[in-house]
Amino acid sequence: MKISKQVGFVLAFLFLAGIVCAQEKLKPYKFKTALVEYVYSGNTTGTQTVYYAENGWNQCEVTQTVTKTFGQKDEKNEVKLSLGLDIYQWTPGAKTGTQMRNTVLEELMKDPNFDPKQFAKELMEQLGFEKKGNETLDGRDCEVWKGLGSTIWIWNELAIKTEVKILGQKTVWTATKIEFDVPVPAEKLKVPSDVKFQFVDISNPMGSMNNATGREESQDTTSGNAEPEIKNLKDLKGLLKKMKNN
């Protein structure tokens, strides 16, 4: 299955941003607040702490990792703050960052036939994931999903363990601490005033990044590989069906 950069970006964003947190009457999680700490092992080592508020509608991820691949080392020190449909990302101490708005999900929410939880399941299946049953991890009964060289253990709608194997490289991140209904520090849910954010259009991320760097975006109008425009549930379902048949 061949996925272009833009389409892959959109689908990954929908999946990772939590498609279940779509409508006012449907909350992403049953708990109001939570704190989850992860430890990375394998080719990537480090930690990640995730703070959840407003039943997961607001989230803050603090990530510090080092990835070693084929002799190369990549260090990641990043904060990602999700406030509803708006996402801010920056490096602590830096003066610039990026801002995105999940306009695709925003449009899907307007569709009266949109069932976010069912769609999340369909999306995972279309991306190549399959539910393989249940396993118990640390006394927790988890759903096990496998696909794309990855295995995900899900408990209470949280991914408490993820294992990724690609080209002989393996990374595992595991939740070592999970606390529900705990206070979330107010500063974790604030957009820093001393950081200048560059807006990235999720519907055209490459174009936005090119504009930010002063480069022009090239478009292939002759190959027939123009990116499809996704404005509603019908458009996205049509794209998924096309990908599945390719």
C-alpha atoms as a PDB file:
ATOM      1  CA  MET A   1       0.000   0.000   0.000  1.00  0.00           C
ATOM      2  CA  LYS A   2       1.555   3.256  -1.131  1.00  0.00           C
ATOM      3  CA  ILE A   3       0.700   6.319   0.910  1.00  0.00           C
ATOM      4  CA  SER A   4       1.879   9.783  -0.181  1.00  0.00           C
ATOM      5  CA  LYS A   5       3.501  12.058   2.377  1.00  0.00           C
ATOM      6  CA  GLN A   6       0.488  14.342   2.664  1.00  0.00           C
ATOM      7  CA  VAL A   7      -2.127  11.600   2.935  1.00  0.00           C
ATOM      8  CA  GLY A   8       0.048   9.670   5.372  1.00  0.00           C
ATOM      9  CA  PHE A   9       0.446  12.807   7.457  1.00  0.00           C
ATOM     10  CA  VAL A  10      -3.320  13.376   7.611  1.00  0.00           C
ATOM     11  CA  LEU A  11      -4.152   9.793   8.554  1.00  0.00           C
ATOM     12  CA  ALA A  12      -1.392   9.560  11.134  1.00  0.00           C
ATOM     13  CA  PHE A  13      -2.502  12.855  12.617  1.00  0.00           C
ATOM     14  CA  LEU A  14      -6.099  11.693  12.915  1.00  0.00           C
ATOM     15  CA  PHE A  15      -5.019   8.476  14.580  1.00  0.00           C
ATOM     16  CA  LEU A  16      -2.469   9.944  16.980  1.00  0.00           C
ATOM     17  CA  ALA A  17      -4.520  13.001  17.905  1.00  0.00           C
ATOM     18  CA  GLY A  18      -7.298  10.731  19.130  1.00  0.00           C
ATOM     19  CA  ILE A  19     -10.171  10.585  16.720  1.00  0.00           C
ATOM     20  CA  VAL A  20     -12.510   9.507  19.513  1.00  0.00           C
ATOM     21  CA  CYS A  21     -12.430  12.983  21.066  1.00  0.00           C
ATOM     22  CA  ALA A  22     -14.652  14.430  18.400  1.00  0.00           C
ATOM     23  CA  GLN A  23     -18.005  15.621  19.654  1.00  0.00           C
ATOM     24  CA  GLU A  24     -19.241  17.412  22.739  1.00  0.00           C
ATOM     25  CA  LYS A  25     -21.395  14.490  23.824  1.00  0.00           C
ATOM     26  CA  LEU A  26     -18.604  11.960  23.228  1.00  0.00           C
ATOM     27  CA  LYS A  27     -15.555  12.253  25.435  1.00  0.00           C
ATOM     28  CA  PRO A  28     -12.273  10.554  24.537  1.00  0.00           C
ATOM     29  CA  TYR A  29     -11.819   8.983  27.976  1.00  0.00           C
ATOM     30  CA  LYS A  30     -13.996   8.113  30.951  1.00  0.00           C
ATOM     31  CA  PHE A  31     -11.551   9.675  33.404  1.00  0.00           C
ATOM     32  CA  LYS A  32     -11.452  13.460  33.756  1.00  0.00           C
ATOM     33  CA  THR A  33      -7.703  13.768  34.319  1.00  0.00           C
ATOM     34  CA  ALA A  34      -4.747  11.411  34.224  1.00  0.00           C
ATOM     35  CA  LEU A  35      -0.985  11.160  34.328  1.00  0.00           C
ATOM     36  CA  VAL A  36       0.863   8.514  32.315  1.00  0.00           C
ATOM     37  CA  GLU A  37       4.630   8.010  32.279  1.00  0.00           C
ATOM     38  CA  TYR A  38       6.332   5.952  29.561  1.00  0.00           C
ATOM     39  CA  VAL A  39       9.829   4.512  29.290  1.00  0.00           C
ATOM     40  CA  TYR A  40      11.401   3.802  25.897  1.00  0.00           C
ATOM     41  CA  SER A  41      13.795   0.926  25.254  1.00  0.00           C
ATOM     42  CA  GLY A  42      15.516  -0.559  22.212  1.00  0.00           C
ATOM     43  CA  ASN A  43      16.759   1.688  19.420  1.00  0.00           C
ATOM     44  CA  THR A  44      15.019   4.581  21.141  1.00  0.00           C
ATOM     45  CA  THR A  45      15.619   5.248  24.824  1.00  0.00           C
ATOM     46  CA  GLY A  46      14.198   7.916  27.089  1.00  0.00           C
ATOM     47  CA  THR A  47      10.933   8.974  28.677  1.00  0.00           C
ATOM     48  CA  GLN A  48       7.596  10.549  27.906  1.00  0.00           C
ATOM     49  CA  THR A  49       5.063  11.999  30.329  1.00  0.00           C
ATOM     50  CA  VAL A  50       1.487  12.641  29.222  1.00  0.00           C
ATOM     51  CA  TYR A  51      -0.958  14.828  31.130  1.00  0.00           C
ATOM     52  CA  TYR A  52      -4.684  14.515  30.366  1.00  0.00           C
ATOM     53  CA  ALA A  53      -7.359  17.062  31.308  1.00  0.00           C
ATOM     54  CA  GLU A  54     -11.019  17.595  30.392  1.00  0.00           C
ATOM     55  CA  ASN A  55     -11.448  13.865  29.731  1.00  0.00           C
ATOM     56  CA  GLY A  56      -8.490  13.929  27.363  1.00  0.00           C
ATOM     57  CA  TRP A  57      -9.719  16.824  25.258  1.00  0.00           C
ATOM     58  CA  ASN A  58      -6.669  18.730  26.497  1.00  0.00           C
ATOM     59  CA  GLN A  59      -3.300  16.949  26.615  1.00  0.00           C
ATOM     60  CA  CYS A  60       0.342  17.755  27.182  1.00  0.00           C
ATOM     61  CA  GLU A  61       3.151  15.404  26.126  1.00  0.00           C
ATOM     62  CA  VAL A  62       6.697  15.973  27.361  1.00  0.00           C
ATOM     63  CA  THR A  63       9.162  13.789  25.451  1.00  0.00           C
ATOM     64  CA  GLN A  64      12.901  13.306  25.910  1.00  0.00           C
ATOM     65  CA  THR A  65      14.368  10.507  23.800  1.00  0.00           C
ATOM     66  CA  VAL A  66      17.481   9.464  21.904  1.00  0.00           C
ATOM     67  CA  THR A  67      17.152   7.292  18.795  1.00  0.00           C
ATOM     68  CA  LYS A  68      20.114   5.399  17.338  1.00  0.00           C
ATOM     69  CA  THR A  69      19.598   4.051  13.822  1.00  0.00           C
ATOM     70  CA  PHE A  70      22.272   2.801  11.431  1.00  0.00           C
ATOM     71  CA  GLY A  71      25.006   4.690  13.236  1.00  0.00           C
ATOM     72  CA  GLN A  72      23.024   7.924  13.434  1.00  0.00           C
ATOM     73  CA  LYS A  73      21.791   9.510  16.656  1.00  0.00           C
ATOM     74  CA  ASP A  74      18.694  11.695  16.883  1.00  0.00           C
ATOM     75  CA  GLU A  75      17.794  13.469  20.119  1.00  0.00           C
ATOM     76  CA  LYS A  76      14.242  14.617  20.735  1.00  0.00           C
ATOM     77  CA  ASN A  77      13.338  17.127  23.429  1.00  0.00           C
ATOM     78  CA  GLU A  78       9.806  18.293  22.744  1.00  0.00           C
ATOM     79  CA  VAL A  79       6.554  19.457  24.269  1.00  0.00           C
ATOM     80  CA  LYS A  80       3.266  18.899  22.431  1.00  0.00           C
ATOM     81  CA  LEU A  81       0.223  20.681  23.812  1.00  0.00           C
ATOM     82  CA  SER A  82      -3.219  19.778  22.458  1.00  0.00           C
ATOM     83  CA  LEU A  83      -6.049  22.127  23.386  1.00  0.00           C
ATOM     84  CA  GLY A  84      -9.104  20.732  21.668  1.00  0.00           C
ATOM     85  CA  LEU A  85      -8.390  20.831  17.948  1.00  0.00           C
ATOM     86  CA  ASP A  86      -5.371  23.125  18.288  1.00  0.00           C
ATOM     87  CA  ILE A  87      -1.907  21.574  18.656  1.00  0.00           C
ATOM     88  CA  TYR A  88       1.295  23.393  19.641  1.00  0.00           C
ATOM     89  CA  GLN A  89       4.767  21.858  19.496  1.00  0.00           C
ATOM     90  CA  TRP A  90       8.062  23.334  20.662  1.00  0.00           C
ATOM     91  CA  THR A  91      11.450  22.556  22.184  1.00  0.00           C
ATOM     92  CA  PRO A  92      11.899  23.841  25.752  1.00  0.00           C
ATOM     93  CA  GLY A  93      14.086  26.939  25.642  1.00  0.00           C
ATOM     94  CA  ALA A  94      13.509  27.561  21.936  1.00  0.00           C
ATOM     95  CA  LYS A  95      11.940  30.772  20.663  1.00  0.00           C
ATOM     96  CA  THR A  96       9.956  29.195  17.830  1.00  0.00           C
ATOM     97  CA  GLY A  97       7.507  26.314  17.470  1.00  0.00           C
ATOM     98  CA  THR A  98       4.705  25.041  15.257  1.00  0.00           C
ATOM     99  CA  GLN A  99       0.947  25.347  15.555  1.00  0.00           C
ATOM    100  CA  MET A 100      -1.638  23.164  13.812  1.00  0.00           C
ATOM    101  CA  ARG A 101      -5.386  22.832  13.782  1.00  0.00           C
ATOM    102  CA  ASN A 102      -6.983  19.499  13.034  1.00  0.00           C
ATOM    103  CA  THR A 103      -9.270  20.886  10.345  1.00  0.00           C
ATOM    104  CA  VAL A 104      -9.907  17.411   8.928  1.00  0.00           C
ATOM    105  CA  LEU A 105     -11.387  16.215  12.207  1.00  0.00           C
ATOM    106  CA  GLU A 106     -13.173  19.537  12.576  1.00  0.00           C
ATOM    107  CA  GLU A 107     -14.959  18.957   9.261  1.00  0.00           C
ATOM    108  CA  LEU A 108     -15.754  15.337  10.135  1.00  0.00           C
ATOM    109  CA  MET A 109     -17.434  16.500  13.323  1.00  0.00           C
ATOM    110  CA  LYS A 110     -19.981  18.384  11.228  1.00  0.00           C
ATOM    111  CA  ASP A 111     -21.182  15.158   9.604  1.00  0.00           C
ATOM    112  CA  PRO A 112     -24.298  13.869  11.459  1.00  0.00           C
ATOM    113  CA  ASN A 113     -23.398  10.291  10.474  1.00  0.00           C
ATOM    114  CA  PHE A 114     -19.922  10.473  12.006  1.00  0.00           C
ATOM    115  CA  ASP A 115     -19.433   7.890  14.766  1.00  0.00           C
ATOM    116  CA  PRO A 116     -15.927   8.654  16.102  1.00  0.00           C
ATOM    117  CA  LYS A 117     -15.374   5.407  17.988  1.00  0.00           C
ATOM    118  CA  GLN A 118     -16.508   3.233  15.098  1.00  0.00           C
ATOM    119  CA  PHE A 119     -14.492   5.310  12.682  1.00  0.00           C
ATOM    120  CA  ALA A 120     -11.377   4.980  14.838  1.00  0.00           C
ATOM    121  CA  LYS A 121     -11.706   1.201  14.580  1.00  0.00           C
ATOM    122  CA  GLU A 122     -12.275   1.356  10.822  1.00  0.00           C
ATOM    123  CA  LEU A 123      -9.301   3.667  10.415  1.00  0.00           C
ATOM    124  CA  MET A 124      -6.968   1.301  12.243  1.00  0.00           C
ATOM    125  CA  GLU A 125      -8.177  -1.597  10.122  1.00  0.00           C
ATOM    126  CA  GLN A 126      -7.752   0.367   6.903  1.00  0.00           C
ATOM    127  CA  LEU A 127      -4.219   1.297   7.955  1.00  0.00           C
ATOM    128  CA  GLY A 128      -3.442  -2.409   8.223  1.00  0.00           C
ATOM    129  CA  PHE A 129      -4.051  -3.066  11.920  1.00  0.00           C
ATOM    130  CA  GLU A 130      -5.989  -6.091  13.132  1.00  0.00           C
ATOM    131  CA  LYS A 131      -7.257  -6.910  16.601  1.00  0.00           C
ATOM    132  CA  LYS A 132      -5.557 -10.135  17.707  1.00  0.00           C
ATOM    133  CA  GLY A 133      -7.365 -10.713  20.978  1.00  0.00           C
ATOM    134  CA  ASN A 134      -6.576  -9.815  24.566  1.00  0.00           C
ATOM    135  CA  GLU A 135      -3.538 -10.118  26.824  1.00  0.00           C
ATOM    136  CA  THR A 136      -2.962  -9.284  30.469  1.00  0.00           C
ATOM    137  CA  LEU A 137      -0.186  -6.798  31.249  1.00  0.00           C
ATOM    138  CA  ASP A 138       0.483  -5.990  34.908  1.00  0.00           C
ATOM    139  CA  GLY A 139      -2.997  -7.188  35.800  1.00  0.00           C
ATOM    140  CA  ARG A 140      -4.659  -5.103  33.075  1.00  0.00           C
ATOM    141  CA  ASP A 141      -6.811  -6.778  30.427  1.00  0.00           C
ATOM    142  CA  CYS A 142      -5.579  -5.242  27.149  1.00  0.00           C
ATOM    143  CA  GLU A 143      -6.773  -5.355  23.564  1.00  0.00           C
ATOM    144  CA  VAL A 144      -3.909  -6.312  21.257  1.00  0.00           C
ATOM    145  CA  TRP A 145      -3.696  -4.696  17.808  1.00  0.00           C
ATOM    146  CA  LYS A 146      -1.055  -5.629  15.242  1.00  0.00           C
ATOM    147  CA  GLY A 147      -0.103  -4.070  11.919  1.00  0.00           C
ATOM    148  CA  LEU A 148       2.584  -2.171  10.021  1.00  0.00           C
ATOM    149  CA  GLY A 149       5.301  -3.913  12.001  1.00  0.00           C
ATOM    150  CA  SER A 150       3.760  -2.709  15.249  1.00  0.00           C
ATOM    151  CA  THR A 151       1.918  -4.196  18.217  1.00  0.00           C
ATOM    152  CA  ILE A 152      -0.215  -1.993  20.479  1.00  0.00           C
ATOM    153  CA  TRP A 153      -1.674  -3.007  23.841  1.00  0.00           C
ATOM    154  CA  ILE A 154      -4.725  -0.859  24.695  1.00  0.00           C
ATOM    155  CA  TRP A 155      -6.320  -0.616  28.120  1.00  0.00           C
ATOM    156  CA  ASN A 156      -9.053   1.863  29.083  1.00  0.00           C
ATOM    157  CA  GLU A 157      -8.521   3.374  25.592  1.00  0.00           C
ATOM    158  CA  LEU A 158      -4.886   4.109  26.495  1.00  0.00           C
ATOM    159  CA  ALA A 159      -1.959   2.592  24.628  1.00  0.00           C
ATOM    160  CA  ILE A 160      -0.034   1.264  27.618  1.00  0.00           C
ATOM    161  CA  LYS A 161       2.565  -0.538  25.522  1.00  0.00           C
ATOM    162  CA  THR A 162       3.698  -0.180  21.922  1.00  0.00           C
ATOM    163  CA  GLU A 163       6.293  -2.250  20.096  1.00  0.00           C
ATOM    164  CA  VAL A 164       7.600  -1.229  16.682  1.00  0.00           C
ATOM    165  CA  LYS A 165       9.879  -3.340  14.472  1.00  0.00           C
ATOM    166  CA  ILE A 166      11.077  -1.797  11.196  1.00  0.00           C
ATOM    167  CA  LEU A 167      14.080  -2.879   9.094  1.00  0.00           C
ATOM    168  CA  GLY A 168      15.593  -4.814  11.949  1.00  0.00           C
ATOM    169  CA  GLN A 169      15.207  -1.889  14.335  1.00  0.00           C
ATOM    170  CA  LYS A 170      13.048  -2.330  17.438  1.00  0.00           C
ATOM    171  CA  THR A 171      11.634   0.208  19.859  1.00  0.00           C
ATOM    172  CA  VAL A 172       9.289  -0.436  22.782  1.00  0.00           C
ATOM    173  CA  TRP A 173       7.607   2.140  24.980  1.00  0.00           C
ATOM    174  CA  THR A 174       5.796   1.008  28.082  1.00  0.00           C
ATOM    175  CA  ALA A 175       3.650   2.828  30.615  1.00  0.00           C
ATOM    176  CA  THR A 176       5.373   2.554  33.993  1.00  0.00           C
ATOM    177  CA  LYS A 177       2.981   4.816  35.880  1.00  0.00           C
ATOM    178  CA  ILE A 178      -0.744   5.433  35.364  1.00  0.00           C
ATOM    179  CA  GLU A 179      -2.783   7.653  37.689  1.00  0.00           C
ATOM    180  CA  PHE A 180      -6.380   8.727  37.141  1.00  0.00           C
ATOM    181  CA  ASP A 181      -8.246  11.776  38.436  1.00  0.00           C
ATOM    182  CA  VAL A 182      -5.117  13.521  39.686  1.00  0.00           C
ATOM    183  CA  PRO A 183      -4.403  17.278  39.590  1.00  0.00           C
ATOM    184  CA  VAL A 184      -2.743  18.500  36.387  1.00  0.00           C
ATOM    185  CA  PRO A 185      -0.323  21.429  36.880  1.00  0.00           C
ATOM    186  CA  ALA A 186      -1.875  24.528  35.303  1.00  0.00           C
ATOM    187  CA  GLU A 187       1.363  25.455  33.532  1.00  0.00           C
ATOM    188  CA  LYS A 188       1.250  22.203  31.560  1.00  0.00           C
ATOM    189  CA  LEU A 189      -1.869  23.410  29.740  1.00  0.00           C
ATOM    190  CA  LYS A 190      -0.669  26.919  28.869  1.00  0.00           C
ATOM    191  CA  VAL A 191       0.711  28.063  25.526  1.00  0.00           C
ATOM    192  CA  PRO A 192       4.087  29.720  26.262  1.00  0.00           C
ATOM    193  CA  SER A 193       3.978  33.460  25.606  1.00  0.00           C
ATOM    194  CA  ASP A 194       7.693  33.673  24.770  1.00  0.00           C
ATOM    195  CA  VAL A 195       7.508  31.228  21.839  1.00  0.00           C
ATOM    196  CA  LYS A 196       6.591  32.366  18.312  1.00  0.00           C
ATOM    197  CA  PHE A 197       4.487  29.695  16.589  1.00  0.00           C
ATOM    198  CA  GLN A 198       4.475  29.096  12.834  1.00  0.00           C
ATOM    199  CA  PHE A 199       1.119  27.808  11.626  1.00  0.00           C
ATOM    200  CA  VAL A 200       1.195  24.526   9.681  1.00  0.00           C
ATOM    201  CA  ASP A 201      -1.877  23.692   7.590  1.00  0.00           C
ATOM    202  CA  ILE A 202      -2.680  20.024   8.235  1.00  0.00           C
ATOM    203  CA  SER A 203      -4.493  19.826   4.889  1.00  0.00           C
ATOM    204  CA  ASN A 204      -1.277  20.940   3.171  1.00  0.00           C
ATOM    205  CA  PRO A 205       1.592  20.441   5.638  1.00  0.00           C
ATOM    206  CA  MET A 206       4.369  20.445   3.029  1.00  0.00           C
ATOM    207  CA  GLY A 207       3.159  23.699   1.520  1.00  0.00           C
ATOM    208  CA  SER A 208       3.003  25.345   4.942  1.00  0.00           C
ATOM    209  CA  MET A 209       6.504  24.226   5.812  1.00  0.00           C
ATOM    210  CA  ASN A 210       7.811  25.422   2.455  1.00  0.00           C
ATOM    211  CA  ASN A 211       6.221  28.808   3.014  1.00  0.00           C
ATOM    212  CA  ALA A 212       7.859  28.977   6.419  1.00  0.00           C
ATOM    213  CA  THR A 213      11.288  28.402   4.852  1.00  0.00           C
ATOM    214  CA  GLY A 214      10.683  30.651   1.871  1.00  0.00           C
ATOM    215  CA  ARG A 215      10.500  27.838  -0.684  1.00  0.00           C
ATOM    216  CA  GLU A 216       7.833  27.373  -3.320  1.00  0.00           C
ATOM    217  CA  GLU A 217       5.810  24.191  -3.325  1.00  0.00           C
ATOM    218  CA  SER A 218       6.009  22.225  -6.535  1.00  0.00           C
ATOM    219  CA  GLN A 219       2.840  20.545  -7.777  1.00  0.00           C
ATOM    220  CA  ASP A 220       2.667  17.626 -10.168  1.00  0.00           C
ATOM    221  CA  THR A 221      -0.300  18.322 -12.412  1.00  0.00           C
ATOM    222  CA  THR A 222       0.641  15.898 -15.145  1.00  0.00           C
ATOM    223  CA  SER A 223       1.128  12.607 -13.354  1.00  0.00           C
ATOM    224  CA  GLY A 224      -2.395  12.372 -11.996  1.00  0.00           C
ATOM    225  CA  ASN A 225      -1.048  12.093  -8.452  1.00  0.00           C
ATOM    226  CA  ALA A 226      -2.684  15.228  -7.099  1.00  0.00           C
ATOM    227  CA  GLU A 227      -3.567  14.982  -3.433  1.00  0.00           C
ATOM    228  CA  PRO A 228      -7.287  14.436  -2.754  1.00  0.00           C
ATOM    229  CA  GLU A 229      -9.051  17.141  -0.787  1.00  0.00           C
ATOM    230  CA  ILE A 230     -10.684  15.833   2.384  1.00  0.00           C
ATOM    231  CA  LYS A 231     -13.567  17.940   3.625  1.00  0.00           C
ATOM    232  CA  ASN A 232     -16.034  15.446   5.060  1.00  0.00           C
ATOM    233  CA  LEU A 233     -16.591  11.879   6.173  1.00  0.00           C
ATOM    234  CA  LYS A 234     -17.526  10.750   2.654  1.00  0.00           C
ATOM    235  CA  ASP A 235     -14.235  12.077   1.239  1.00  0.00           C
ATOM    236  CA  LEU A 236     -12.151  10.315   3.871  1.00  0.00           C
ATOM    237  CA  LYS A 237     -14.011   7.016   3.578  1.00  0.00           C
ATOM    238  CA  GLY A 238     -13.557   7.177  -0.194  1.00  0.00           C
ATOM    239  CA  LEU A 239      -9.833   7.708   0.262  1.00  0.00           C
ATOM    240  CA  LEU A 240      -9.536   4.768   2.644  1.00  0.00           C
ATOM    241  CA  LYS A 241     -11.436   2.533   0.224  1.00  0.00           C
ATOM    242  CA  LYS A 242      -9.151   3.592  -2.629  1.00  0.00           C
ATOM    243  CA  MET A 243      -6.060   2.874  -0.535  1.00  0.00           C
ATOM    244  CA  LYS A 244      -7.376  -0.554   0.415  1.00  0.00           C
ATOM    245  CA  ASN A 245      -7.994  -1.484  -3.231  1.00  0.00           C
ATOM    246  CA  ASN A 246      -4.549  -0.342  -4.407  1.00  0.00           C
END
